[in-house]
Amino acid sequence: MNVVEVITEYLLDNRKLVVPNLGAFIVKETGERIFSDLLRVDDGVLVSLLHAKGLSEMETAVTIDRFVFETRHEMELYGYCRLGQVGTLRRDPETGVLKLYPPVTG
């Protein structure tokens, strides 16, 4: 199950999606996407979306944990993590805040 595709699809019609233990992808009124690592508490939305795709409770937990681990690992290894059409997460070197940049095209 591709979590990035689920996030991308959900954000087309919704304003916020929390990835438990990672943060929230937020769509501003302007359409700009931002990321907040302050909103990390599981609100059940991503779990419900993955269940609707046919994953069991255990598969859902493993899928989310793997996504969070791989995202953090790429951030540590490369300093950024590309998340397809969602965008690229990169830690601002001056503030240490995670920022979401538009998707890389081409």
PDB file of N, CA and C in Angstrom:
ATOM      1  N   MET A   1       0.853  -1.179   0.000  1.00  0.00           N
ATOM      2  CA  MET A   1       0.000   0.000   0.000  1.00  0.00           C
ATOM      3  C   MET A   1       0.892   1.233   0.000  1.00  0.00           C
ATOM      4  N   ASN A   2       0.640   2.141  -0.904  1.00  0.00           N
ATOM      5  CA  ASN A   2       1.437   3.344  -1.022  1.00  0.00           C
ATOM      6  C   ASN A   2       0.782   4.478  -0.223  1.00  0.00           C
ATOM      7  N   VAL A   3       1.370   4.803   0.908  1.00  0.00           N
ATOM      8  CA  VAL A   3       0.826   5.825   1.795  1.00  0.00           C
ATOM      9  C   VAL A   3       0.831   7.195   1.115  1.00  0.00           C
ATOM     10  N   VAL A   4       1.847   7.475   0.321  1.00  0.00           N
ATOM     11  CA  VAL A   4       1.925   8.766  -0.378  1.00  0.00           C
ATOM     12  C   VAL A   4       0.718   8.954  -1.290  1.00  0.00           C
ATOM     13  N   GLU A   5       0.304   7.903  -1.988  1.00  0.00           N
ATOM     14  CA  GLU A   5      -0.866   7.995  -2.861  1.00  0.00           C
ATOM     15  C   GLU A   5      -2.137   8.259  -2.052  1.00  0.00           C
ATOM     16  N   VAL A   6      -2.256   7.628  -0.906  1.00  0.00           N
ATOM     17  CA  VAL A   6      -3.417   7.836  -0.042  1.00  0.00           C
ATOM     18  C   VAL A   6      -3.441   9.280   0.449  1.00  0.00           C
ATOM     19  N   ILE A   7      -2.293   9.809   0.857  1.00  0.00           N
ATOM     20  CA  ILE A   7      -2.208  11.195   1.321  1.00  0.00           C
ATOM     21  C   ILE A   7      -2.567  12.149   0.186  1.00  0.00           C
ATOM     22  N   THR A   8      -1.989  11.917  -0.994  1.00  0.00           N
ATOM     23  CA  THR A   8      -2.244  12.769  -2.152  1.00  0.00           C
ATOM     24  C   THR A   8      -3.721  12.816  -2.483  1.00  0.00           C
ATOM     25  N   GLU A   9      -4.344  11.650  -2.551  1.00  0.00           N
ATOM     26  CA  GLU A   9      -5.766  11.556  -2.886  1.00  0.00           C
ATOM     27  C   GLU A   9      -6.630  12.267  -1.845  1.00  0.00           C
ATOM     28  N   TYR A  10      -6.325  12.065  -0.575  1.00  0.00           N
ATOM     29  CA  TYR A  10      -7.126  12.647   0.496  1.00  0.00           C
ATOM     30  C   TYR A  10      -7.041  14.175   0.498  1.00  0.00           C
ATOM     31  N   LEU A  11      -5.843  14.701   0.251  1.00  0.00           N
ATOM     32  CA  LEU A  11      -5.651  16.148   0.304  1.00  0.00           C
ATOM     33  C   LEU A  11      -6.280  16.889  -0.874  1.00  0.00           C
ATOM     34  N   LEU A  12      -6.747  16.167  -1.881  1.00  0.00           N
ATOM     35  CA  LEU A  12      -7.447  16.819  -2.990  1.00  0.00           C
ATOM     36  C   LEU A  12      -8.762  17.444  -2.523  1.00  0.00           C
ATOM     37  N   ASP A  13      -9.421  16.807  -1.550  1.00  0.00           N
ATOM     38  CA  ASP A  13     -10.735  17.266  -1.092  1.00  0.00           C
ATOM     39  C   ASP A  13     -10.785  17.633   0.389  1.00  0.00           C
ATOM     40  N   ASN A  14      -9.652  17.531   1.079  1.00  0.00           N
ATOM     41  CA  ASN A  14      -9.640  17.776   2.520  1.00  0.00           C
ATOM     42  C   ASN A  14      -8.482  18.699   2.881  1.00  0.00           C
ATOM     43  N   ARG A  15      -8.562  19.297   4.059  1.00  0.00           N
ATOM     44  CA  ARG A  15      -7.595  20.323   4.451  1.00  0.00           C
ATOM     45  C   ARG A  15      -6.440  19.820   5.308  1.00  0.00           C
ATOM     46  N   LYS A  16      -6.605  18.660   5.949  1.00  0.00           N
ATOM     47  CA  LYS A  16      -5.560  18.211   6.874  1.00  0.00           C
ATOM     48  C   LYS A  16      -5.555  16.693   6.976  1.00  0.00           C
ATOM     49  N   LEU A  17      -4.344  16.129   7.014  1.00  0.00           N
ATOM     50  CA  LEU A  17      -4.206  14.697   7.263  1.00  0.00           C
ATOM     51  C   LEU A  17      -3.019  14.482   8.194  1.00  0.00           C
ATOM     52  N   VAL A  18      -3.309  13.881   9.337  1.00  0.00           N
ATOM     53  CA  VAL A  18      -2.274  13.596  10.332  1.00  0.00           C
ATOM     54  C   VAL A  18      -1.685  12.217  10.062  1.00  0.00           C
ATOM     55  N   VAL A  19      -0.356  12.162  10.026  1.00  0.00           N
ATOM     56  CA  VAL A  19       0.358  10.889   9.985  1.00  0.00           C
ATOM     57  C   VAL A  19       0.856  10.679  11.413  1.00  0.00           C
ATOM     58  N   PRO A  20       0.293   9.699  12.121  1.00  0.00           N
ATOM     59  CA  PRO A  20       0.654   9.501  13.524  1.00  0.00           C
ATOM     60  C   PRO A  20       2.168   9.396  13.724  1.00  0.00           C
ATOM     61  N   ASN A  21       2.661  10.095  14.721  1.00  0.00           N
ATOM     62  CA  ASN A  21       4.071  10.104  15.108  1.00  0.00           C
ATOM     63  C   ASN A  21       4.996  10.764  14.086  1.00  0.00           C
ATOM     64  N   LEU A  22       4.424  11.456  13.112  1.00  0.00           N
ATOM     65  CA  LEU A  22       5.248  12.187  12.140  1.00  0.00           C
ATOM     66  C   LEU A  22       4.815  13.644  12.077  1.00  0.00           C
ATOM     67  N   GLY A  23       3.563  13.892  11.736  1.00  0.00           N
ATOM     68  CA  GLY A  23       3.067  15.256  11.619  1.00  0.00           C
ATOM     69  C   GLY A  23       1.860  15.319  10.707  1.00  0.00           C
ATOM     70  N   ALA A  24       1.438  16.543  10.403  1.00  0.00           N
ATOM     71  CA  ALA A  24       0.231  16.736   9.606  1.00  0.00           C
ATOM     72  C   ALA A  24       0.542  17.484   8.318  1.00  0.00           C
ATOM     73  N   PHE A  25      -0.071  17.012   7.246  1.00  0.00           N
ATOM     74  CA  PHE A  25      -0.030  17.710   5.973  1.00  0.00           C
ATOM     75  C   PHE A  25      -1.290  18.564   5.940  1.00  0.00           C
ATOM     76  N   ILE A  26      -1.106  19.859   5.699  1.00  0.00           N
ATOM     77  CA  ILE A  26      -2.204  20.820   5.764  1.00  0.00           C
ATOM     78  C   ILE A  26      -2.279  21.578   4.447  1.00  0.00           C
ATOM     79  N   VAL A  27      -3.509  21.767   3.958  1.00  0.00           N
ATOM     80  CA  VAL A  27      -3.730  22.557   2.750  1.00  0.00           C
ATOM     81  C   VAL A  27      -4.315  23.900   3.188  1.00  0.00           C
ATOM     82  N   LYS A  28      -3.565  24.967   2.916  1.00  0.00           N
ATOM     83  CA  LYS A  28      -4.039  26.309   3.263  1.00  0.00           C
ATOM     84  C   LYS A  28      -5.131  26.738   2.286  1.00  0.00           C
ATOM     85  N   GLU A  29      -5.843  27.812   2.623  1.00  0.00           N
ATOM     86  CA  GLU A  29      -6.916  28.316   1.761  1.00  0.00           C
ATOM     87  C   GLU A  29      -6.412  28.683   0.369  1.00  0.00           C
ATOM     88  N   THR A  30      -5.146  29.047   0.272  1.00  0.00           N
ATOM     89  CA  THR A  30      -4.550  29.408  -1.017  1.00  0.00           C
ATOM     90  C   THR A  30      -4.242  28.181  -1.875  1.00  0.00           C
ATOM     91  N   GLY A  31      -4.351  26.989  -1.261  1.00  0.00           N
ATOM     92  CA  GLY A  31      -4.011  25.760  -1.962  1.00  0.00           C
ATOM     93  C   GLY A  31      -2.602  25.285  -1.658  1.00  0.00           C
ATOM     94  N   GLU A  32      -1.815  26.146  -1.010  1.00  0.00           N
ATOM     95  CA  GLU A  32      -0.449  25.774  -0.638  1.00  0.00           C
ATOM     96  C   GLU A  32      -0.488  24.673   0.413  1.00  0.00           C
ATOM     97  N   ARG A  33       0.395  23.704   0.263  1.00  0.00           N
ATOM     98  CA  ARG A  33       0.503  22.623   1.241  1.00  0.00           C
ATOM     99  C   ARG A  33       1.654  22.921   2.183  1.00  0.00           C
ATOM    100  N   ILE A  34       1.396  22.725   3.475  1.00  0.00           N
ATOM    101  CA  ILE A  34       2.432  22.903   4.477  1.00  0.00           C
ATOM    102  C   ILE A  34       2.465  21.650   5.355  1.00  0.00           C
ATOM    103  N   PHE A  35       3.495  21.556   6.183  1.00  0.00           N
ATOM    104  CA  PHE A  35       3.646  20.427   7.094  1.00  0.00           C
ATOM    105  C   PHE A  35       3.849  20.962   8.495  1.00  0.00           C
ATOM    106  N   SER A  36       3.211  20.327   9.467  1.00  0.00           N
ATOM    107  CA  SER A  36       3.405  20.682  10.866  1.00  0.00           C
ATOM    108  C   SER A  36       3.741  19.434  11.657  1.00  0.00           C
ATOM    109  N   ASP A  37       4.924  19.441  12.280  1.00  0.00           N
ATOM    110  CA  ASP A  37       5.280  18.282  13.110  1.00  0.00           C
ATOM    111  C   ASP A  37       4.746  18.440  14.533  1.00  0.00           C
ATOM    112  N   LEU A  38       3.939  19.479  14.765  1.00  0.00           N
ATOM    113  CA  LEU A  38       3.303  19.659  16.074  1.00  0.00           C
ATOM    114  C   LEU A  38       2.032  18.825  16.205  1.00  0.00           C
ATOM    115  N   LEU A  39       1.404  18.502  15.073  1.00  0.00           N
ATOM    116  CA  LEU A  39       0.170  17.704  15.070  1.00  0.00           C
ATOM    117  C   LEU A  39       0.522  16.254  14.730  1.00  0.00           C
ATOM    118  N   ARG A  40       0.860  15.472  15.752  1.00  0.00           N
ATOM    119  CA  ARG A  40       1.287  14.098  15.515  1.00  0.00           C
ATOM    120  C   ARG A  40       0.402  13.045  16.166  1.00  0.00           C
ATOM    121  N   VAL A  41      -0.587  13.491  16.912  1.00  0.00           N
ATOM    122  CA  VAL A  41      -1.459  12.548  17.618  1.00  0.00           C
ATOM    123  C   VAL A  41      -2.452  11.940  16.628  1.00  0.00           C
ATOM    124  N   ASP A  42      -2.569  10.638  16.671  1.00  0.00           N
ATOM    125  CA  ASP A  42      -3.429   9.900  15.748  1.00  0.00           C
ATOM    126  C   ASP A  42      -4.888  10.310  15.915  1.00  0.00           C
ATOM    127  N   ASP A  43      -5.469  10.860  14.844  1.00  0.00           N
ATOM    128  CA  ASP A  43      -6.888  11.218  14.869  1.00  0.00           C
ATOM    129  C   ASP A  43      -7.746  10.143  14.199  1.00  0.00           C
ATOM    130  N   GLY A  44      -7.120   9.076  13.728  1.00  0.00           N
ATOM    131  CA  GLY A  44      -7.837   7.940  13.163  1.00  0.00           C
ATOM    132  C   GLY A  44      -8.159   8.043  11.682  1.00  0.00           C
ATOM    133  N   VAL A  45      -7.913   9.191  11.062  1.00  0.00           N
ATOM    134  CA  VAL A  45      -8.281   9.377   9.660  1.00  0.00           C
ATOM    135  C   VAL A  45      -7.424   8.514   8.738  1.00  0.00           C
ATOM    136  N   LEU A  46      -6.114   8.565   8.887  1.00  0.00           N
ATOM    137  CA  LEU A  46      -5.242   7.765   8.014  1.00  0.00           C
ATOM    138  C   LEU A  46      -5.512   6.274   8.204  1.00  0.00           C
ATOM    139  N   VAL A  47      -5.726   5.873   9.435  1.00  0.00           N
ATOM    140  CA  VAL A  47      -6.051   4.467   9.715  1.00  0.00           C
ATOM    141  C   VAL A  47      -7.323   4.071   8.973  1.00  0.00           C
ATOM    142  N   SER A  48      -8.333   4.912   9.030  1.00  0.00           N
ATOM    143  CA  SER A  48      -9.602   4.633   8.340  1.00  0.00           C
ATOM    144  C   SER A  48      -9.414   4.552   6.838  1.00  0.00           C
ATOM    145  N   LEU A  49      -8.601   5.449   6.297  1.00  0.00           N
ATOM    146  CA  LEU A  49      -8.341   5.440   4.852  1.00  0.00           C
ATOM    147  C   LEU A  49      -7.656   4.143   4.423  1.00  0.00           C
ATOM    148  N   LEU A  50      -6.705   3.682   5.214  1.00  0.00           N
ATOM    149  CA  LEU A  50      -6.000   2.441   4.880  1.00  0.00           C
ATOM    150  C   LEU A  50      -6.907   1.222   5.058  1.00  0.00           C
ATOM    151  N   HIS A  51      -7.771   1.262   6.068  1.00  0.00           N
ATOM    152  CA  HIS A  51      -8.749   0.178   6.240  1.00  0.00           C
ATOM    153  C   HIS A  51      -9.673   0.118   5.026  1.00  0.00           C
ATOM    154  N   ALA A  52     -10.084   1.279   4.538  1.00  0.00           N
ATOM    155  CA  ALA A  52     -10.973   1.339   3.370  1.00  0.00           C
ATOM    156  C   ALA A  52     -10.298   0.788   2.116  1.00  0.00           C
ATOM    157  N   LYS A  53      -8.962   0.786   2.101  1.00  0.00           N
ATOM    158  CA  LYS A  53      -8.213   0.221   0.972  1.00  0.00           C
ATOM    159  C   LYS A  53      -8.023  -1.288   1.123  1.00  0.00           C
ATOM    160  N   GLY A  54      -8.566  -1.840   2.225  1.00  0.00           N
ATOM    161  CA  GLY A  54      -8.533  -3.290   2.398  1.00  0.00           C
ATOM    162  C   GLY A  54      -7.481  -3.826   3.350  1.00  0.00           C
ATOM    163  N   LEU A  55      -6.770  -2.951   4.048  1.00  0.00           N
ATOM    164  CA  LEU A  55      -5.756  -3.425   4.980  1.00  0.00           C
ATOM    165  C   LEU A  55      -6.386  -3.786   6.321  1.00  0.00           C
ATOM    166  N   SER A  56      -5.842  -4.816   6.938  1.00  0.00           N
ATOM    167  CA  SER A  56      -6.297  -5.204   8.274  1.00  0.00           C
ATOM    168  C   SER A  56      -5.719  -4.218   9.291  1.00  0.00           C
ATOM    169  N   GLU A  57      -6.154  -4.350  10.532  1.00  0.00           N
ATOM    170  CA  GLU A  57      -5.654  -3.469  11.587  1.00  0.00           C
ATOM    171  C   GLU A  57      -4.138  -3.606  11.734  1.00  0.00           C
ATOM    172  N   MET A  58      -3.641  -4.830  11.716  1.00  0.00           N
ATOM    173  CA  MET A  58      -2.203  -5.072  11.856  1.00  0.00           C
ATOM    174  C   MET A  58      -1.438  -4.531  10.644  1.00  0.00           C
ATOM    175  N   GLU A  59      -1.944  -4.777   9.439  1.00  0.00           N
ATOM    176  CA  GLU A  59      -1.287  -4.278   8.227  1.00  0.00           C
ATOM    177  C   GLU A  59      -1.255  -2.751   8.210  1.00  0.00           C
ATOM    178  N   THR A  60      -2.316  -2.138   8.687  1.00  0.00           N
ATOM    179  CA  THR A  60      -2.377  -0.680   8.744  1.00  0.00           C
ATOM    180  C   THR A  60      -1.309  -0.134   9.683  1.00  0.00           C
ATOM    181  N   ALA A  61      -1.202  -0.721  10.867  1.00  0.00           N
ATOM    182  CA  ALA A  61      -0.203  -0.274  11.843  1.00  0.00           C
ATOM    183  C   ALA A  61       1.209  -0.422  11.283  1.00  0.00           C
ATOM    184  N   VAL A  62       1.476  -1.556  10.650  1.00  0.00           N
ATOM    185  CA  VAL A  62       2.802  -1.802  10.070  1.00  0.00           C
ATOM    186  C   VAL A  62       3.087  -0.829   8.930  1.00  0.00           C
ATOM    187  N   THR A  63       2.092  -0.577   8.092  1.00  0.00           N
ATOM    188  CA  THR A  63       2.260   0.324   6.953  1.00  0.00           C
ATOM    189  C   THR A  63       2.583   1.741   7.416  1.00  0.00           C
ATOM    190  N   ILE A  64       1.856   2.226   8.416  1.00  0.00           N
ATOM    191  CA  ILE A  64       2.105   3.575   8.933  1.00  0.00           C
ATOM    192  C   ILE A  64       3.470   3.645   9.599  1.00  0.00           C
ATOM    193  N   ASP A  65       3.797   2.658  10.435  1.00  0.00           N
ATOM    194  CA  ASP A  65       5.106   2.641  11.106  1.00  0.00           C
ATOM    195  C   ASP A  65       6.242   2.618  10.095  1.00  0.00           C
ATOM    196  N   ARG A  66       6.104   1.828   9.045  1.00  0.00           N
ATOM    197  CA  ARG A  66       7.139   1.735   8.016  1.00  0.00           C
ATOM    198  C   ARG A  66       7.292   3.072   7.293  1.00  0.00           C
ATOM    199  N   PHE A  67       6.155   3.712   6.960  1.00  0.00           N
ATOM    200  CA  PHE A  67       6.194   4.999   6.277  1.00  0.00           C
ATOM    201  C   PHE A  67       6.917   6.046   7.139  1.00  0.00           C
ATOM    202  N   VAL A  68       6.577   6.108   8.423  1.00  0.00           N
ATOM    203  CA  VAL A  68       7.207   7.066   9.337  1.00  0.00           C
ATOM    204  C   VAL A  68       8.700   6.774   9.453  1.00  0.00           C
ATOM    205  N   PHE A  69       9.069   5.503   9.625  1.00  0.00           N
ATOM    206  CA  PHE A  69      10.472   5.123   9.741  1.00  0.00           C
ATOM    207  C   PHE A  69      11.252   5.502   8.484  1.00  0.00           C
ATOM    208  N   GLU A  70      10.714   5.150   7.311  1.00  0.00           N
ATOM    209  CA  GLU A  70      11.409   5.425   6.060  1.00  0.00           C
ATOM    210  C   GLU A  70      11.532   6.927   5.801  1.00  0.00           C
ATOM    211  N   THR A  71      10.497   7.681   6.139  1.00  0.00           N
ATOM    212  CA  THR A  71      10.553   9.130   5.965  1.00  0.00           C
ATOM    213  C   THR A  71      11.624   9.733   6.860  1.00  0.00           C
ATOM    214  N   ARG A  72      11.633   9.355   8.116  1.00  0.00           N
ATOM    215  CA  ARG A  72      12.649   9.871   9.057  1.00  0.00           C
ATOM    216  C   ARG A  72      14.054   9.437   8.641  1.00  0.00           C
ATOM    217  N   HIS A  73      14.171   8.197   8.192  1.00  0.00           N
ATOM    218  CA  HIS A  73      15.477   7.678   7.771  1.00  0.00           C
ATOM    219  C   HIS A  73      16.027   8.482   6.587  1.00  0.00           C
ATOM    220  N   GLU A  74      15.184   8.737   5.590  1.00  0.00           N
ATOM    221  CA  GLU A  74      15.614   9.540   4.440  1.00  0.00           C
ATOM    222  C   GLU A  74      15.984  10.954   4.857  1.00  0.00           C
ATOM    223  N   MET A  75      15.223  11.520   5.801  1.00  0.00           N
ATOM    224  CA  MET A  75      15.539  12.858   6.294  1.00  0.00           C
ATOM    225  C   MET A  75      16.926  12.885   6.936  1.00  0.00           C
ATOM    226  N   GLU A  76      17.229  11.859   7.730  1.00  0.00           N
ATOM    227  CA  GLU A  76      18.535  11.791   8.386  1.00  0.00           C
ATOM    228  C   GLU A  76      19.651  11.543   7.381  1.00  0.00           C
ATOM    229  N   LEU A  77      19.398  10.678   6.416  1.00  0.00           N
ATOM    230  CA  LEU A  77      20.412  10.284   5.449  1.00  0.00           C
ATOM    231  C   LEU A  77      20.709  11.370   4.425  1.00  0.00           C
ATOM    232  N   TYR A  78      19.646  11.969   3.864  1.00  0.00           N
ATOM    233  CA  TYR A  78      19.812  12.916   2.755  1.00  0.00           C
ATOM    234  C   TYR A  78      19.492  14.364   3.123  1.00  0.00           C
ATOM    235  N   GLY A  79      18.816  14.570   4.236  1.00  0.00           N
ATOM    236  CA  GLY A  79      18.413  15.918   4.616  1.00  0.00           C
ATOM    237  C   GLY A  79      17.058  16.308   4.057  1.00  0.00           C
ATOM    238  N   TYR A  80      16.460  15.426   3.293  1.00  0.00           N
ATOM    239  CA  TYR A  80      15.129  15.662   2.726  1.00  0.00           C
ATOM    240  C   TYR A  80      14.489  14.318   2.418  1.00  0.00           C
ATOM    241  N   CYS A  81      13.176  14.370   2.144  1.00  0.00           N
ATOM    242  CA  CYS A  81      12.457  13.168   1.757  1.00  0.00           C
ATOM    243  C   CYS A  81      11.424  13.552   0.713  1.00  0.00           C
ATOM    244  N   ARG A  82      11.541  12.990  -0.473  1.00  0.00           N
ATOM    245  CA  ARG A  82      10.566  13.241  -1.541  1.00  0.00           C
ATOM    246  C   ARG A  82       9.352  12.345  -1.339  1.00  0.00           C
ATOM    247  N   LEU A  83       8.195  12.986  -1.356  1.00  0.00           N
ATOM    248  CA  LEU A  83       6.941  12.277  -1.136  1.00  0.00           C
ATOM    249  C   LEU A  83       6.022  12.431  -2.345  1.00  0.00           C
ATOM    250  N   GLY A  84       6.535  12.159  -3.518  1.00  0.00           N
ATOM    251  CA  GLY A  84       5.745  12.183  -4.742  1.00  0.00           C
ATOM    252  C   GLY A  84       4.994  13.484  -4.927  1.00  0.00           C
ATOM    253  N   GLN A  85       3.698  13.372  -5.221  1.00  0.00           N
ATOM    254  CA  GLN A  85       2.863  14.539  -5.483  1.00  0.00           C
ATOM    255  C   GLN A  85       2.521  15.338  -4.223  1.00  0.00           C
ATOM    256  N   VAL A  86       2.868  14.811  -3.052  1.00  0.00           N
ATOM    257  CA  VAL A  86       2.642  15.554  -1.814  1.00  0.00           C
ATOM    258  C   VAL A  86       3.659  16.691  -1.710  1.00  0.00           C
ATOM    259  N   GLY A  87       4.900  16.407  -2.072  1.00  0.00           N
ATOM    260  CA  GLY A  87       5.961  17.402  -2.010  1.00  0.00           C
ATOM    261  C   GLY A  87       7.233  16.808  -1.415  1.00  0.00           C
ATOM    262  N   THR A  88       8.149  17.670  -1.056  1.00  0.00           N
ATOM    263  CA  THR A  88       9.418  17.255  -0.474  1.00  0.00           C
ATOM    264  C   THR A  88       9.547  17.860   0.918  1.00  0.00           C
ATOM    265  N   LEU A  89       9.775  16.996   1.903  1.00  0.00           N
ATOM    266  CA  LEU A  89      10.023  17.458   3.265  1.00  0.00           C
ATOM    267  C   LEU A  89      11.506  17.749   3.416  1.00  0.00           C
ATOM    268  N   ARG A  90      11.813  18.919   3.975  1.00  0.00           N
ATOM    269  CA  ARG A  90      13.210  19.303   4.198  1.00  0.00           C
ATOM    270  C   ARG A  90      13.269  20.114   5.487  1.00  0.00           C
ATOM    271  N   ARG A  91      14.284  19.828   6.295  1.00  0.00           N
ATOM    272  CA  ARG A  91      14.453  20.576   7.543  1.00  0.00           C
ATOM    273  C   ARG A  91      15.192  21.872   7.234  1.00  0.00           C
ATOM    274  N   ASP A  92      14.608  22.991   7.663  1.00  0.00           N
ATOM    275  CA  ASP A  92      15.244  24.290   7.476  1.00  0.00           C
ATOM    276  C   ASP A  92      16.510  24.316   8.327  1.00  0.00           C
ATOM    277  N   PRO A  93      17.674  24.552   7.713  1.00  0.00           N
ATOM    278  CA  PRO A  93      18.934  24.490   8.462  1.00  0.00           C
ATOM    279  C   PRO A  93      19.045  25.553   9.559  1.00  0.00           C
ATOM    280  N   GLU A  94      18.382  26.676   9.393  1.00  0.00           N
ATOM    281  CA  GLU A  94      18.485  27.747  10.382  1.00  0.00           C
ATOM    282  C   GLU A  94      17.522  27.573  11.544  1.00  0.00           C
ATOM    283  N   THR A  95      16.284  27.167  11.240  1.00  0.00           N
ATOM    284  CA  THR A  95      15.269  27.066  12.294  1.00  0.00           C
ATOM    285  C   THR A  95      15.069  25.640  12.797  1.00  0.00           C
ATOM    286  N   GLY A  96      15.463  24.656  11.999  1.00  0.00           N
ATOM    287  CA  GLY A  96      15.247  23.260  12.368  1.00  0.00           C
ATOM    288  C   GLY A  96      13.823  22.789  12.122  1.00  0.00           C
ATOM    289  N   VAL A  97      12.979  23.650  11.569  1.00  0.00           N
ATOM    290  CA  VAL A  97      11.585  23.326  11.309  1.00  0.00           C
ATOM    291  C   VAL A  97      11.467  22.551   9.996  1.00  0.00           C
ATOM    292  N   LEU A  98      10.624  21.535   9.993  1.00  0.00           N
ATOM    293  CA  LEU A  98      10.374  20.786   8.761  1.00  0.00           C
ATOM    294  C   LEU A  98       9.477  21.605   7.859  1.00  0.00           C
ATOM    295  N   LYS A  99       9.888  21.754   6.604  1.00  0.00           N
ATOM    296  CA  LYS A  99       9.079  22.484   5.627  1.00  0.00           C
ATOM    297  C   LYS A  99       8.726  21.560   4.479  1.00  0.00           C
ATOM    298  N   LEU A 100       7.551  21.791   3.922  1.00  0.00           N
ATOM    299  CA  LEU A 100       7.090  21.016   2.780  1.00  0.00           C
ATOM    300  C   LEU A 100       7.223  21.883   1.531  1.00  0.00           C
ATOM    301  N   TYR A 101       8.009  21.419   0.589  1.00  0.00           N
ATOM    302  CA  TYR A 101       8.217  22.121  -0.674  1.00  0.00           C
ATOM    303  C   TYR A 101       7.392  21.450  -1.764  1.00  0.00           C
ATOM    304  N   PRO A 102       7.023  22.203  -2.796  1.00  0.00           N
ATOM    305  CA  PRO A 102       6.212  21.617  -3.877  1.00  0.00           C
ATOM    306  C   PRO A 102       6.892  20.393  -4.473  1.00  0.00           C
ATOM    307  N   PRO A 103       6.095  19.493  -5.075  1.00  0.00           N
ATOM    308  CA  PRO A 103       6.664  18.276  -5.674  1.00  0.00           C
ATOM    309  C   PRO A 103       7.678  18.602  -6.771  1.00  0.00           C
ATOM    310  N   VAL A 104       8.659  17.728  -6.874  1.00  0.00           N
ATOM    311  CA  VAL A 104       9.660  17.850  -7.930  1.00  0.00           C
ATOM    312  C   VAL A 104       9.030  17.321  -9.218  1.00  0.00           C
ATOM    313  N   THR A 105       9.109  18.089 -10.274  1.00  0.00           N
ATOM    314  CA  THR A 105       8.563  17.660 -11.552  1.00  0.00           C
ATOM    315  C   THR A 105       9.692  17.487 -12.559  1.00  0.00           C
ATOM    316  N   GLY A 106       9.449  16.619 -13.519  1.00  0.00           N
ATOM    317  CA  GLY A 106      10.423  16.415 -14.583  1.00  0.00           C
ATOM    318  C   GLY A 106      11.439  15.386 -14.322  1.00  0.00           C
TER     319      GLY A 106
END
